[in-house]
């Protein structure tokens, strides 16, 4: 039985990733070399603020965002993630969209829908009053 390299796990989610890469032609070109035509998740940033979350063939999506009327002047950095299981790409994108408040993903038009997971939002909590915490300065 072959052993895994230190830090690798068969349960790992990512194959490869790059975070906060500067928007320029060389970095976008490098994504193609690394991703080898595979689909993944990408995030566009204005400074350190996320403004768009997307999925697809990352290099072509970045190139399209570079020319897009809506997005081209709204981002200067990007992060990208290649998942080991391509079937999870859609749900990971939806999870990111739902975690981020709308003002931090201003270019996305919707929050997305999970595949095959029923929504339990119709369930009402028995006690809807939260426990408030005191904040000290």
N, C-alpha and C. Protein backbone atom coordinates (compact mmCIF):
# COMPACT_ATOMS: atom_id res chain seq x y z
N UNK A 1 0.85 -1.19 0.00
CA UNK A 1 0.00 0.00 0.00
C UNK A 1 0.89 1.24 0.00
N UNK A 2 0.69 2.12 -0.95
CA UNK A 2 1.50 3.34 -1.05
C UNK A 2 1.04 4.33 0.01
N UNK A 3 1.98 5.03 0.59
CA UNK A 3 1.62 6.01 1.61
C UNK A 3 1.45 7.38 0.98
N UNK A 4 0.61 8.17 1.60
CA UNK A 4 0.36 9.54 1.13
C UNK A 4 1.48 10.45 1.63
N UNK A 5 1.77 11.48 0.87
CA UNK A 5 2.74 12.49 1.30
C UNK A 5 2.20 13.21 2.51
N UNK A 6 3.08 13.74 3.33
CA UNK A 6 2.68 14.46 4.53
C UNK A 6 1.70 15.57 4.20
N UNK A 7 0.56 15.61 4.92
CA UNK A 7 -0.42 16.66 4.72
C UNK A 7 -1.49 16.33 3.69
N UNK A 8 -1.31 15.24 2.92
CA UNK A 8 -2.33 14.87 1.95
C UNK A 8 -3.31 13.90 2.58
N UNK A 9 -4.53 13.97 2.13
CA UNK A 9 -5.57 13.11 2.65
C UNK A 9 -6.47 12.67 1.51
N UNK A 10 -6.97 11.45 1.60
CA UNK A 10 -7.91 10.99 0.59
C UNK A 10 -9.23 11.75 0.69
N UNK A 11 -9.48 12.39 1.81
CA UNK A 11 -10.70 13.16 2.00
C UNK A 11 -10.50 14.64 1.64
N UNK A 12 -9.37 14.99 1.10
CA UNK A 12 -9.09 16.38 0.76
C UNK A 12 -10.10 16.90 -0.26
N UNK A 13 -10.46 18.14 -0.12
CA UNK A 13 -11.43 18.77 -1.01
C UNK A 13 -10.76 19.36 -2.25
N UNK A 14 -9.57 19.93 -2.10
CA UNK A 14 -8.90 20.65 -3.18
C UNK A 14 -7.80 19.84 -3.85
N UNK A 15 -7.70 20.03 -5.16
CA UNK A 15 -6.56 19.52 -5.91
C UNK A 15 -5.47 20.58 -5.99
N UNK A 16 -5.89 21.82 -6.21
CA UNK A 16 -4.95 22.94 -6.32
C UNK A 16 -5.73 24.22 -6.10
N UNK A 17 -5.03 25.27 -5.70
CA UNK A 17 -5.69 26.56 -5.52
C UNK A 17 -4.66 27.67 -5.58
N UNK A 18 -5.14 28.87 -5.83
CA UNK A 18 -4.33 30.07 -5.79
C UNK A 18 -5.17 31.17 -5.16
N UNK A 19 -4.60 31.90 -4.24
CA UNK A 19 -5.38 32.93 -3.54
C UNK A 19 -4.74 34.30 -3.71
N UNK A 20 -5.62 35.27 -3.96
CA UNK A 20 -5.25 36.68 -4.09
C UNK A 20 -4.15 36.91 -5.12
N UNK A 21 -4.34 36.32 -6.30
CA UNK A 21 -3.42 36.57 -7.40
C UNK A 21 -3.78 37.91 -8.02
N UNK A 22 -2.78 38.69 -8.37
CA UNK A 22 -3.00 39.97 -9.03
C UNK A 22 -3.61 39.73 -10.41
N UNK A 23 -4.51 40.59 -10.79
CA UNK A 23 -5.13 40.49 -12.13
C UNK A 23 -4.13 41.00 -13.15
N UNK A 24 -3.60 40.09 -13.94
CA UNK A 24 -2.75 40.45 -15.07
C UNK A 24 -2.71 39.25 -16.03
N UNK A 25 -2.28 39.50 -17.25
CA UNK A 25 -2.32 38.48 -18.30
C UNK A 25 -1.48 37.26 -17.93
N UNK A 26 -0.33 37.45 -17.31
CA UNK A 26 0.52 36.31 -16.95
C UNK A 26 -0.13 35.41 -15.92
N UNK A 27 -0.75 35.99 -14.89
CA UNK A 27 -1.40 35.17 -13.87
C UNK A 27 -2.61 34.42 -14.42
N UNK A 28 -3.38 35.07 -15.28
CA UNK A 28 -4.52 34.40 -15.89
C UNK A 28 -4.03 33.26 -16.79
N UNK A 29 -2.94 33.48 -17.50
CA UNK A 29 -2.35 32.43 -18.35
C UNK A 29 -1.86 31.26 -17.50
N UNK A 30 -1.27 31.54 -16.34
CA UNK A 30 -0.78 30.48 -15.46
C UNK A 30 -1.90 29.59 -14.94
N UNK A 31 -3.09 30.14 -14.77
CA UNK A 31 -4.23 29.34 -14.32
C UNK A 31 -4.50 28.22 -15.33
N UNK A 32 -4.40 28.52 -16.61
CA UNK A 32 -4.64 27.50 -17.64
C UNK A 32 -3.63 26.37 -17.51
N UNK A 33 -2.36 26.73 -17.32
CA UNK A 33 -1.30 25.73 -17.21
C UNK A 33 -1.55 24.81 -16.02
N UNK A 34 -2.02 25.37 -14.92
CA UNK A 34 -2.23 24.60 -13.69
C UNK A 34 -3.53 23.81 -13.74
N UNK A 35 -4.59 24.44 -14.23
CA UNK A 35 -5.91 23.80 -14.17
C UNK A 35 -6.14 22.79 -15.28
N UNK A 36 -5.37 22.86 -16.36
CA UNK A 36 -5.45 21.91 -17.46
C UNK A 36 -6.87 21.68 -17.94
N UNK A 37 -7.64 22.75 -18.10
CA UNK A 37 -8.98 22.67 -18.65
C UNK A 37 -10.05 22.13 -17.71
N UNK A 38 -9.72 22.04 -16.43
CA UNK A 38 -10.70 21.54 -15.47
C UNK A 38 -11.53 22.69 -14.91
N UNK A 39 -12.74 22.37 -14.46
CA UNK A 39 -13.63 23.38 -13.89
C UNK A 39 -13.35 23.56 -12.41
N UNK A 40 -13.66 24.74 -11.91
CA UNK A 40 -13.47 25.04 -10.50
C UNK A 40 -14.27 26.25 -10.09
N UNK A 41 -13.88 26.79 -8.95
CA UNK A 41 -14.53 27.97 -8.37
C UNK A 41 -13.53 29.12 -8.42
N UNK A 42 -14.02 30.33 -8.67
CA UNK A 42 -13.14 31.49 -8.62
C UNK A 42 -13.86 32.64 -7.93
N UNK A 43 -13.08 33.53 -7.36
CA UNK A 43 -13.63 34.70 -6.67
C UNK A 43 -12.87 35.92 -7.18
N UNK A 44 -13.60 36.95 -7.56
CA UNK A 44 -13.01 38.21 -7.99
C UNK A 44 -13.05 39.18 -6.81
N UNK A 45 -11.98 39.94 -6.63
CA UNK A 45 -11.86 40.87 -5.52
C UNK A 45 -11.59 42.29 -6.01
N UNK A 46 -12.12 43.24 -5.29
CA UNK A 46 -11.76 44.64 -5.42
C UNK A 46 -10.94 44.92 -4.17
N UNK A 47 -9.61 44.98 -4.32
CA UNK A 47 -8.75 45.01 -3.14
C UNK A 47 -8.86 43.67 -2.44
N UNK A 48 -9.28 43.68 -1.19
CA UNK A 48 -9.48 42.41 -0.47
C UNK A 48 -10.96 42.08 -0.32
N UNK A 49 -11.83 42.84 -0.96
CA UNK A 49 -13.28 42.65 -0.85
C UNK A 49 -13.79 41.79 -2.00
N UNK A 50 -14.41 40.63 -1.70
CA UNK A 50 -14.97 39.82 -2.78
C UNK A 50 -16.16 40.54 -3.43
N UNK A 51 -16.18 40.52 -4.76
CA UNK A 51 -17.28 41.16 -5.48
C UNK A 51 -18.00 40.19 -6.40
N UNK A 52 -17.41 39.01 -6.65
CA UNK A 52 -18.05 38.05 -7.54
C UNK A 52 -17.54 36.65 -7.23
N UNK A 53 -18.45 35.68 -7.21
CA UNK A 53 -18.11 34.28 -7.04
C UNK A 53 -18.65 33.55 -8.26
N UNK A 54 -17.82 32.72 -8.89
CA UNK A 54 -18.27 32.00 -10.07
C UNK A 54 -17.66 30.62 -10.16
N UNK A 55 -18.13 29.88 -11.15
CA UNK A 55 -17.62 28.53 -11.40
C UNK A 55 -17.45 28.35 -12.90
N UNK A 56 -16.69 27.35 -13.27
CA UNK A 56 -16.52 27.03 -14.67
C UNK A 56 -15.06 26.78 -14.98
N UNK A 57 -14.72 26.83 -16.27
CA UNK A 57 -13.33 26.72 -16.68
C UNK A 57 -12.67 28.04 -16.29
N UNK A 58 -11.86 28.01 -15.29
CA UNK A 58 -11.42 29.23 -14.60
C UNK A 58 -10.75 30.23 -15.54
N UNK A 59 -9.80 29.77 -16.34
CA UNK A 59 -9.10 30.73 -17.21
C UNK A 59 -10.05 31.43 -18.16
N UNK A 60 -10.95 30.67 -18.79
CA UNK A 60 -11.88 31.31 -19.75
C UNK A 60 -12.85 32.24 -19.03
N UNK A 61 -13.26 31.89 -17.82
CA UNK A 61 -14.15 32.76 -17.05
C UNK A 61 -13.43 34.04 -16.62
N UNK A 62 -12.16 33.93 -16.26
CA UNK A 62 -11.38 35.13 -15.91
C UNK A 62 -11.20 36.03 -17.12
N UNK A 63 -10.92 35.43 -18.27
CA UNK A 63 -10.77 36.22 -19.49
C UNK A 63 -12.07 36.92 -19.85
N UNK A 64 -13.20 36.22 -19.67
CA UNK A 64 -14.51 36.83 -19.96
C UNK A 64 -14.79 37.97 -18.98
N UNK A 65 -14.42 37.80 -17.72
CA UNK A 65 -14.63 38.85 -16.72
C UNK A 65 -13.73 40.05 -17.00
N UNK A 66 -12.58 39.80 -17.60
CA UNK A 66 -11.63 40.85 -17.96
C UNK A 66 -12.21 41.76 -19.05
N UNK A 67 -13.12 41.21 -19.86
CA UNK A 67 -13.71 41.97 -20.97
C UNK A 67 -15.16 42.36 -20.71
N UNK A 68 -15.76 41.81 -19.67
CA UNK A 68 -17.18 42.04 -19.38
C UNK A 68 -17.48 43.50 -19.10
N UNK A 69 -18.56 44.01 -19.68
CA UNK A 69 -18.97 45.39 -19.40
C UNK A 69 -19.28 45.59 -17.93
N UNK A 70 -19.93 44.61 -17.33
CA UNK A 70 -20.34 44.72 -15.92
C UNK A 70 -19.19 44.54 -14.94
N UNK A 71 -18.25 43.64 -15.25
CA UNK A 71 -17.24 43.29 -14.25
C UNK A 71 -15.84 43.83 -14.51
N UNK A 72 -15.52 44.22 -15.73
CA UNK A 72 -14.12 44.49 -16.07
C UNK A 72 -13.46 45.56 -15.21
N UNK A 73 -14.18 46.55 -14.74
CA UNK A 73 -13.58 47.61 -13.95
C UNK A 73 -13.82 47.43 -12.45
N UNK A 74 -14.22 46.23 -12.04
CA UNK A 74 -14.60 46.01 -10.64
C UNK A 74 -13.68 45.09 -9.87
N UNK A 75 -12.64 44.57 -10.49
CA UNK A 75 -11.77 43.63 -9.77
C UNK A 75 -10.31 43.81 -10.14
N UNK A 76 -9.45 43.53 -9.15
CA UNK A 76 -8.01 43.65 -9.37
C UNK A 76 -7.23 42.43 -8.88
N UNK A 77 -7.89 41.51 -8.18
CA UNK A 77 -7.29 40.27 -7.71
C UNK A 77 -8.30 39.13 -7.89
N UNK A 78 -7.81 37.92 -7.87
CA UNK A 78 -8.70 36.76 -7.95
C UNK A 78 -8.10 35.58 -7.19
N UNK A 79 -8.99 34.72 -6.73
CA UNK A 79 -8.60 33.44 -6.13
C UNK A 79 -9.29 32.36 -6.94
N UNK A 80 -8.68 31.18 -6.99
CA UNK A 80 -9.26 30.08 -7.74
C UNK A 80 -9.03 28.77 -6.99
N UNK A 81 -9.95 27.82 -7.18
CA UNK A 81 -9.93 26.56 -6.46
C UNK A 81 -10.36 25.42 -7.39
N UNK A 82 -9.52 24.40 -7.49
CA UNK A 82 -9.86 23.19 -8.24
C UNK A 82 -10.22 22.11 -7.25
N UNK A 83 -11.44 21.63 -7.32
CA UNK A 83 -11.90 20.59 -6.40
C UNK A 83 -11.55 19.21 -6.94
N UNK A 84 -11.25 18.30 -6.03
CA UNK A 84 -10.96 16.92 -6.43
C UNK A 84 -12.18 16.27 -7.07
N UNK A 85 -13.36 16.57 -6.54
CA UNK A 85 -14.60 15.97 -7.04
C UNK A 85 -15.36 17.03 -7.84
N UNK A 86 -15.38 16.89 -9.16
CA UNK A 86 -16.03 17.89 -10.02
C UNK A 86 -17.52 18.00 -9.75
N UNK A 87 -18.13 16.95 -9.18
CA UNK A 87 -19.56 16.99 -8.88
C UNK A 87 -19.89 17.96 -7.75
N UNK A 88 -18.89 18.42 -7.01
CA UNK A 88 -19.12 19.34 -5.89
C UNK A 88 -18.99 20.81 -6.27
N UNK A 89 -18.53 21.09 -7.47
CA UNK A 89 -18.26 22.47 -7.88
C UNK A 89 -19.49 23.36 -7.71
N UNK A 90 -20.63 22.93 -8.18
CA UNK A 90 -21.84 23.76 -8.10
C UNK A 90 -22.21 24.06 -6.65
N UNK A 91 -22.27 23.03 -5.80
CA UNK A 91 -22.69 23.25 -4.42
C UNK A 91 -21.69 24.07 -3.62
N UNK A 92 -20.40 23.95 -3.92
CA UNK A 92 -19.41 24.79 -3.23
C UNK A 92 -19.59 26.24 -3.64
N UNK A 93 -19.87 26.48 -4.91
CA UNK A 93 -20.14 27.85 -5.35
C UNK A 93 -21.36 28.42 -4.62
N UNK A 94 -22.43 27.63 -4.55
CA UNK A 94 -23.65 28.08 -3.87
C UNK A 94 -23.36 28.36 -2.40
N UNK A 95 -22.59 27.50 -1.75
CA UNK A 95 -22.24 27.71 -0.35
C UNK A 95 -21.51 29.03 -0.16
N UNK A 96 -20.53 29.32 -1.00
CA UNK A 96 -19.81 30.60 -0.91
C UNK A 96 -20.75 31.78 -1.13
N UNK A 97 -21.63 31.66 -2.11
CA UNK A 97 -22.58 32.74 -2.39
C UNK A 97 -23.49 33.00 -1.19
N UNK A 98 -23.90 31.93 -0.52
CA UNK A 98 -24.82 32.09 0.61
C UNK A 98 -24.12 32.55 1.88
N UNK A 99 -22.85 32.26 2.01
CA UNK A 99 -22.10 32.69 3.20
C UNK A 99 -21.82 34.18 3.15
N UNK A 100 -21.44 34.66 1.98
CA UNK A 100 -21.09 36.07 1.85
C UNK A 100 -22.34 36.94 1.85
N UNK A 101 -22.34 38.03 2.61
CA UNK A 101 -23.49 38.94 2.54
C UNK A 101 -23.58 39.55 1.14
N UNK A 102 -24.78 39.89 0.71
CA UNK A 102 -24.95 40.40 -0.66
C UNK A 102 -24.03 41.58 -1.02
N UNK A 103 -23.76 42.45 -0.08
CA UNK A 103 -22.91 43.61 -0.43
C UNK A 103 -21.45 43.21 -0.67
N UNK A 104 -21.06 41.99 -0.29
CA UNK A 104 -19.69 41.53 -0.55
C UNK A 104 -19.59 40.66 -1.80
N UNK A 105 -20.66 40.53 -2.50
CA UNK A 105 -20.67 39.84 -3.79
C UNK A 105 -21.60 40.59 -4.73
N UNK A 106 -21.34 41.87 -4.81
CA UNK A 106 -22.26 42.79 -5.48
C UNK A 106 -22.49 42.48 -6.96
N UNK A 107 -21.60 41.79 -7.59
CA UNK A 107 -21.75 41.52 -9.02
C UNK A 107 -22.59 40.26 -9.30
N UNK A 108 -22.78 39.40 -8.31
CA UNK A 108 -23.61 38.21 -8.49
C UNK A 108 -25.08 38.61 -8.45
N UNK A 109 -25.87 37.98 -9.26
CA UNK A 109 -27.29 38.33 -9.34
C UNK A 109 -28.17 37.42 -8.50
N UNK A 110 -27.64 36.28 -8.08
CA UNK A 110 -28.46 35.35 -7.29
C UNK A 110 -27.57 34.58 -6.33
N UNK A 111 -28.21 33.92 -5.36
CA UNK A 111 -27.49 33.16 -4.35
C UNK A 111 -27.33 31.70 -4.76
N UNK A 112 -28.05 31.22 -5.75
CA UNK A 112 -27.92 29.86 -6.21
C UNK A 112 -28.75 28.88 -5.40
N UNK A 113 -28.89 27.68 -5.94
CA UNK A 113 -29.67 26.63 -5.29
C UNK A 113 -28.82 25.37 -5.19
N UNK A 114 -28.86 24.73 -4.01
CA UNK A 114 -28.15 23.48 -3.82
C UNK A 114 -28.82 22.37 -4.62
N UNK A 115 -28.02 21.43 -5.11
CA UNK A 115 -28.58 20.30 -5.85
C UNK A 115 -28.97 19.20 -4.88
N UNK A 116 -30.23 18.80 -4.92
CA UNK A 116 -30.69 17.66 -4.15
C UNK A 116 -30.82 17.84 -2.66
N UNK A 117 -30.65 19.03 -2.14
CA UNK A 117 -30.78 19.26 -0.69
C UNK A 117 -32.05 20.03 -0.42
N UNK A 118 -32.96 19.45 0.36
CA UNK A 118 -34.20 20.18 0.66
C UNK A 118 -33.94 21.34 1.61
N UNK A 119 -34.65 22.42 1.40
CA UNK A 119 -34.53 23.56 2.29
C UNK A 119 -35.34 23.34 3.55
N UNK A 120 -34.78 23.64 4.68
CA UNK A 120 -35.50 23.52 5.94
C UNK A 120 -35.85 24.89 6.49
N UNK A 121 -35.88 25.89 5.62
CA UNK A 121 -36.16 27.25 6.06
C UNK A 121 -37.59 27.44 6.52
N UNK A 122 -38.47 26.51 6.17
CA UNK A 122 -39.86 26.62 6.62
C UNK A 122 -40.01 26.27 8.09
N UNK A 123 -39.02 25.60 8.66
CA UNK A 123 -39.10 25.25 10.07
C UNK A 123 -38.86 26.49 10.91
N UNK A 124 -39.71 26.69 11.87
CA UNK A 124 -39.59 27.86 12.76
C UNK A 124 -38.95 27.42 14.06
N UNK A 125 -37.97 28.15 14.55
CA UNK A 125 -37.39 27.79 15.85
C UNK A 125 -38.42 27.98 16.96
N UNK A 126 -38.35 27.15 18.00
CA UNK A 126 -39.32 27.23 19.09
C UNK A 126 -39.22 28.55 19.83
N UNK A 127 -38.04 29.04 19.99
CA UNK A 127 -37.84 30.33 20.66
C UNK A 127 -37.02 31.19 19.71
N UNK A 128 -37.64 32.21 19.15
CA UNK A 128 -36.96 33.00 18.13
C UNK A 128 -36.10 34.13 18.71
N UNK A 129 -36.02 34.25 20.02
CA UNK A 129 -35.18 35.28 20.62
C UNK A 129 -33.77 34.77 20.81
N UNK A 130 -32.79 35.45 20.24
CA UNK A 130 -31.40 35.00 20.39
C UNK A 130 -30.87 35.36 21.78
N UNK A 131 -29.79 34.73 22.13
CA UNK A 131 -29.07 35.10 23.36
C UNK A 131 -28.15 36.26 22.98
N UNK A 132 -28.36 37.38 23.58
CA UNK A 132 -27.53 38.54 23.28
C UNK A 132 -26.26 38.50 24.09
N UNK A 133 -25.18 38.93 23.47
CA UNK A 133 -23.90 38.95 24.16
C UNK A 133 -23.53 40.39 24.47
N UNK A 134 -22.91 40.58 25.59
CA UNK A 134 -22.43 41.92 25.95
C UNK A 134 -21.10 42.16 25.30
N UNK A 135 -20.96 43.31 24.76
CA UNK A 135 -19.69 43.67 24.12
C UNK A 135 -19.03 44.72 24.99
N UNK A 136 -17.79 44.49 25.31
CA UNK A 136 -17.04 45.45 26.10
C UNK A 136 -16.02 46.14 25.20
N UNK A 137 -15.73 47.33 25.58
CA UNK A 137 -14.76 48.09 24.76
C UNK A 137 -13.43 48.13 25.38
